[in-house]
């Protein structure tokens, strides 16, 4: 008697993953999260996933298994949370990203 959970859909892409880590680093170094006690992208990632994913999943929060769409939704929630909670304007990051990669 074993329960097996299958998940359909492709997992997040490498470009999504790369953008996520660049974004977290920007939030810390350029966005001012050091003033709020965030010094490492890995720790910020852990805090965000625990806060944002545990609302829905109610178990160990992980972004590893998210589909492309789910990861995009998580990213948007995280960006909104950072803007609202820490009062950090992330628009300069997104403007720079669009300028470089559009």
N, C-alpha and C. Protein backbone atom coordinates (compact mmCIF):
# COMPACT_ATOMS: atom_id res chain seq x y z
N UNK A 1 0.84 -1.18 0.00
CA UNK A 1 0.00 0.00 0.00
C UNK A 1 0.88 1.24 0.00
N UNK A 2 1.13 1.72 -1.17
CA UNK A 2 1.99 2.89 -1.31
C UNK A 2 1.29 3.92 -2.18
N UNK A 3 1.34 5.17 -1.74
CA UNK A 3 0.75 6.26 -2.51
C UNK A 3 1.84 6.86 -3.38
N UNK A 4 1.54 6.96 -4.66
CA UNK A 4 2.48 7.53 -5.61
C UNK A 4 1.84 8.77 -6.21
N UNK A 5 2.57 9.85 -6.18
CA UNK A 5 2.09 11.10 -6.76
C UNK A 5 2.84 11.36 -8.06
N UNK A 6 2.10 11.52 -9.14
CA UNK A 6 2.69 11.83 -10.43
C UNK A 6 2.37 13.27 -10.78
N UNK A 7 3.31 13.94 -11.35
CA UNK A 7 3.12 15.33 -11.74
C UNK A 7 3.44 15.47 -13.21
N UNK A 8 2.49 16.00 -13.97
CA UNK A 8 2.68 16.17 -15.40
C UNK A 8 3.08 17.59 -15.71
N UNK A 9 3.81 17.76 -16.76
CA UNK A 9 4.26 19.10 -17.17
C UNK A 9 5.76 19.20 -16.99
N UNK A 10 6.35 20.07 -17.77
CA UNK A 10 7.81 20.19 -17.69
C UNK A 10 8.20 21.05 -16.50
N UNK A 11 9.33 20.74 -15.94
CA UNK A 11 9.84 21.49 -14.80
C UNK A 11 10.38 22.83 -15.29
N UNK A 12 10.64 23.71 -14.34
CA UNK A 12 11.12 25.04 -14.71
C UNK A 12 12.36 24.94 -15.58
N UNK A 13 12.57 25.97 -16.37
CA UNK A 13 13.68 25.96 -17.31
C UNK A 13 14.95 26.49 -16.65
N UNK A 14 16.07 26.23 -17.30
CA UNK A 14 17.34 26.76 -16.81
C UNK A 14 17.35 28.28 -16.86
N UNK A 15 16.71 28.86 -17.88
CA UNK A 15 16.68 30.32 -17.96
C UNK A 15 15.84 30.91 -16.82
N UNK A 16 14.73 30.24 -16.45
CA UNK A 16 13.95 30.69 -15.29
C UNK A 16 14.80 30.62 -14.03
N UNK A 17 15.49 29.53 -13.87
CA UNK A 17 16.33 29.31 -12.70
C UNK A 17 17.44 30.37 -12.62
N UNK A 18 18.07 30.62 -13.74
CA UNK A 18 19.14 31.62 -13.79
C UNK A 18 18.61 33.01 -13.45
N UNK A 19 17.49 33.38 -14.04
CA UNK A 19 16.90 34.69 -13.78
C UNK A 19 16.54 34.82 -12.29
N UNK A 20 16.04 33.77 -11.70
CA UNK A 20 15.67 33.77 -10.29
C UNK A 20 16.86 34.13 -9.40
N UNK A 21 18.00 33.50 -9.64
CA UNK A 21 19.18 33.75 -8.81
C UNK A 21 19.77 35.13 -9.07
N UNK A 22 19.72 35.60 -10.31
CA UNK A 22 20.17 36.96 -10.61
C UNK A 22 19.25 37.96 -9.92
N UNK A 23 17.95 37.69 -9.95
CA UNK A 23 16.97 38.56 -9.29
C UNK A 23 17.21 38.63 -7.79
N UNK A 24 17.40 37.50 -7.14
CA UNK A 24 17.64 37.49 -5.69
C UNK A 24 18.91 38.26 -5.34
N UNK A 25 19.95 38.06 -6.13
CA UNK A 25 21.20 38.77 -5.90
C UNK A 25 21.01 40.28 -6.07
N UNK A 26 20.26 40.67 -7.09
CA UNK A 26 19.97 42.09 -7.29
C UNK A 26 19.20 42.66 -6.09
N UNK A 27 18.19 41.94 -5.63
CA UNK A 27 17.39 42.41 -4.49
C UNK A 27 18.27 42.65 -3.26
N UNK A 28 19.24 41.79 -3.07
CA UNK A 28 20.13 41.93 -1.91
C UNK A 28 21.10 43.10 -2.12
N UNK A 29 21.79 43.10 -3.24
CA UNK A 29 22.86 44.08 -3.45
C UNK A 29 22.39 45.44 -3.92
N UNK A 30 21.44 45.47 -4.83
CA UNK A 30 20.99 46.73 -5.41
C UNK A 30 19.68 47.21 -4.78
N UNK A 31 18.84 46.27 -4.41
CA UNK A 31 17.51 46.61 -3.90
C UNK A 31 17.47 46.99 -2.44
N UNK A 32 18.53 46.69 -1.71
CA UNK A 32 18.59 47.10 -0.31
C UNK A 32 18.18 46.06 0.71
N UNK A 33 18.09 44.80 0.32
CA UNK A 33 17.68 43.79 1.30
C UNK A 33 18.73 43.52 2.36
N UNK A 34 19.96 43.96 2.14
CA UNK A 34 20.97 43.83 3.19
C UNK A 34 20.54 44.61 4.43
N UNK A 35 19.88 45.74 4.20
CA UNK A 35 19.38 46.55 5.31
C UNK A 35 18.30 45.82 6.12
N UNK A 36 17.72 44.80 5.52
CA UNK A 36 16.69 44.01 6.18
C UNK A 36 17.24 42.67 6.68
N UNK A 37 18.56 42.50 6.63
CA UNK A 37 19.18 41.30 7.17
C UNK A 37 19.33 40.15 6.20
N UNK A 38 19.14 40.40 4.92
CA UNK A 38 19.32 39.34 3.91
C UNK A 38 20.65 39.58 3.20
N UNK A 39 21.55 38.61 3.35
CA UNK A 39 22.90 38.76 2.80
C UNK A 39 23.25 37.73 1.74
N UNK A 40 22.48 36.65 1.65
CA UNK A 40 22.81 35.56 0.74
C UNK A 40 21.57 35.15 -0.06
N UNK A 41 21.72 34.98 -1.38
CA UNK A 41 20.58 34.57 -2.21
C UNK A 41 19.96 33.24 -1.75
N UNK A 42 20.78 32.31 -1.31
CA UNK A 42 20.27 31.00 -0.89
C UNK A 42 19.34 31.12 0.31
N UNK A 43 19.71 31.98 1.25
CA UNK A 43 18.88 32.18 2.45
C UNK A 43 17.60 32.90 2.09
N UNK A 44 17.69 33.90 1.23
CA UNK A 44 16.50 34.61 0.79
C UNK A 44 15.57 33.66 0.05
N UNK A 45 16.13 32.81 -0.80
CA UNK A 45 15.35 31.80 -1.52
C UNK A 45 14.61 30.90 -0.54
N UNK A 46 15.33 30.40 0.46
CA UNK A 46 14.71 29.52 1.46
C UNK A 46 13.57 30.22 2.19
N UNK A 47 13.79 31.47 2.58
CA UNK A 47 12.75 32.22 3.29
C UNK A 47 11.52 32.45 2.42
N UNK A 48 11.74 32.80 1.16
CA UNK A 48 10.61 33.06 0.26
C UNK A 48 9.82 31.79 -0.03
N UNK A 49 10.53 30.70 -0.28
CA UNK A 49 9.79 29.47 -0.60
C UNK A 49 9.03 28.97 0.62
N UNK A 50 9.60 29.09 1.80
CA UNK A 50 8.88 28.68 3.00
C UNK A 50 7.64 29.53 3.22
N UNK A 51 7.78 30.82 3.00
CA UNK A 51 6.66 31.73 3.21
C UNK A 51 5.59 31.59 2.13
N UNK A 52 6.00 31.52 0.87
CA UNK A 52 5.05 31.55 -0.23
C UNK A 52 4.53 30.18 -0.65
N UNK A 53 5.37 29.17 -0.59
CA UNK A 53 4.92 27.84 -1.01
C UNK A 53 4.20 27.09 0.10
N UNK A 54 4.61 27.29 1.32
CA UNK A 54 3.99 26.53 2.41
C UNK A 54 2.52 26.91 2.58
N UNK A 55 2.12 28.11 2.08
CA UNK A 55 0.71 28.49 2.11
C UNK A 55 -0.12 27.49 1.32
N UNK A 56 0.40 27.02 0.21
CA UNK A 56 -0.34 26.14 -0.69
C UNK A 56 -0.07 24.66 -0.44
N UNK A 57 1.16 24.34 -0.17
CA UNK A 57 1.56 22.93 -0.13
C UNK A 57 1.41 22.28 1.23
N UNK A 58 1.54 23.03 2.29
CA UNK A 58 1.40 22.54 3.65
C UNK A 58 2.41 21.45 4.02
N UNK A 59 3.48 21.33 3.28
CA UNK A 59 4.53 20.37 3.61
C UNK A 59 5.87 21.02 3.32
N UNK A 60 6.87 20.23 3.10
CA UNK A 60 8.19 20.80 2.80
C UNK A 60 8.12 21.63 1.53
N UNK A 61 8.41 22.90 1.67
CA UNK A 61 8.33 23.81 0.54
C UNK A 61 9.54 23.59 -0.37
N UNK A 62 9.27 23.40 -1.65
CA UNK A 62 10.34 23.24 -2.62
C UNK A 62 9.94 23.85 -3.94
N UNK A 63 10.89 24.44 -4.62
CA UNK A 63 10.62 24.98 -5.97
C UNK A 63 11.14 24.02 -7.04
N UNK A 64 11.84 23.01 -6.63
CA UNK A 64 12.48 22.09 -7.57
C UNK A 64 11.49 21.40 -8.49
N UNK A 65 10.32 21.04 -7.96
CA UNK A 65 9.35 20.27 -8.73
C UNK A 65 8.32 21.12 -9.46
N UNK A 66 8.44 22.43 -9.38
CA UNK A 66 7.44 23.28 -10.01
C UNK A 66 7.55 23.23 -11.53
N UNK A 67 6.40 23.27 -12.18
CA UNK A 67 6.38 23.37 -13.64
C UNK A 67 6.78 24.78 -14.02
N UNK A 68 6.95 25.01 -15.32
CA UNK A 68 7.30 26.35 -15.80
C UNK A 68 6.26 27.37 -15.35
N UNK A 69 4.99 27.02 -15.50
CA UNK A 69 3.91 27.93 -15.13
C UNK A 69 3.89 28.17 -13.62
N UNK A 70 4.00 27.10 -12.85
CA UNK A 70 4.00 27.24 -11.39
C UNK A 70 5.18 28.07 -10.91
N UNK A 71 6.34 27.88 -11.52
CA UNK A 71 7.50 28.66 -11.12
C UNK A 71 7.31 30.13 -11.49
N UNK A 72 6.73 30.40 -12.65
CA UNK A 72 6.44 31.79 -13.03
C UNK A 72 5.49 32.44 -12.03
N UNK A 73 4.48 31.70 -11.61
CA UNK A 73 3.53 32.22 -10.63
C UNK A 73 4.22 32.46 -9.29
N UNK A 74 5.09 31.54 -8.88
CA UNK A 74 5.85 31.70 -7.65
C UNK A 74 6.74 32.93 -7.73
N UNK A 75 7.41 33.11 -8.86
CA UNK A 75 8.31 34.25 -9.07
C UNK A 75 7.52 35.56 -8.95
N UNK A 76 6.35 35.61 -9.59
CA UNK A 76 5.52 36.81 -9.52
C UNK A 76 5.08 37.10 -8.08
N UNK A 77 4.69 36.06 -7.35
CA UNK A 77 4.31 36.24 -5.95
C UNK A 77 5.48 36.77 -5.13
N UNK A 78 6.65 36.21 -5.37
CA UNK A 78 7.85 36.63 -4.64
C UNK A 78 8.17 38.09 -4.94
N UNK A 79 8.09 38.47 -6.21
CA UNK A 79 8.37 39.85 -6.59
C UNK A 79 7.37 40.80 -5.93
N UNK A 80 6.11 40.43 -5.97
CA UNK A 80 5.08 41.26 -5.34
C UNK A 80 5.33 41.37 -3.83
N UNK A 81 5.65 40.25 -3.20
CA UNK A 81 5.92 40.24 -1.76
C UNK A 81 7.10 41.15 -1.42
N UNK A 82 8.18 41.04 -2.17
CA UNK A 82 9.37 41.86 -1.92
C UNK A 82 9.04 43.34 -2.08
N UNK A 83 8.27 43.67 -3.10
CA UNK A 83 7.89 45.07 -3.30
C UNK A 83 7.02 45.59 -2.16
N UNK A 84 6.05 44.80 -1.75
CA UNK A 84 5.10 45.24 -0.72
C UNK A 84 5.71 45.20 0.68
N UNK A 85 6.27 44.07 1.06
CA UNK A 85 6.74 43.88 2.43
C UNK A 85 7.97 44.72 2.74
N UNK A 86 8.94 44.70 1.82
CA UNK A 86 10.20 45.42 2.05
C UNK A 86 10.19 46.83 1.46
N UNK A 87 9.10 47.16 0.74
CA UNK A 87 8.97 48.46 0.08
C UNK A 87 10.16 48.74 -0.83
N UNK A 88 10.48 47.74 -1.64
CA UNK A 88 11.59 47.84 -2.60
C UNK A 88 11.00 47.88 -4.01
N UNK A 89 11.42 48.85 -4.78
CA UNK A 89 10.99 48.97 -6.16
C UNK A 89 11.90 48.09 -7.02
N UNK A 90 11.34 47.03 -7.56
CA UNK A 90 12.13 46.11 -8.39
C UNK A 90 12.07 46.49 -9.87
N UNK A 91 11.36 47.57 -10.20
CA UNK A 91 11.26 47.98 -11.60
C UNK A 91 12.62 48.23 -12.25
N UNK A 92 13.60 48.81 -11.55
CA UNK A 92 14.91 48.96 -12.20
C UNK A 92 15.52 47.63 -12.63
N UNK A 93 15.32 46.58 -11.84
CA UNK A 93 15.81 45.26 -12.24
C UNK A 93 15.13 44.81 -13.53
N UNK A 94 13.81 44.92 -13.56
CA UNK A 94 13.06 44.44 -14.72
C UNK A 94 13.36 45.29 -15.95
N UNK A 95 13.53 46.60 -15.76
CA UNK A 95 13.89 47.47 -16.89
C UNK A 95 15.24 47.06 -17.47
N UNK A 96 16.20 46.83 -16.60
CA UNK A 96 17.53 46.41 -17.05
C UNK A 96 17.47 45.06 -17.75
N UNK A 97 16.68 44.15 -17.20
CA UNK A 97 16.54 42.81 -17.81
C UNK A 97 15.93 42.93 -19.20
N UNK A 98 14.89 43.72 -19.34
CA UNK A 98 14.24 43.90 -20.65
C UNK A 98 15.20 44.53 -21.64
N UNK A 99 15.96 45.52 -21.18
CA UNK A 99 16.92 46.21 -22.05
C UNK A 99 17.99 45.26 -22.57
N UNK A 100 18.46 44.38 -21.70
CA UNK A 100 19.54 43.46 -22.09
C UNK A 100 19.06 42.31 -22.96
N UNK A 101 17.85 41.81 -22.68
CA UNK A 101 17.44 40.54 -23.30
C UNK A 101 16.25 40.66 -24.24
N UNK A 102 15.73 41.85 -24.42
CA UNK A 102 14.55 42.00 -25.31
C UNK A 102 14.97 42.11 -26.76
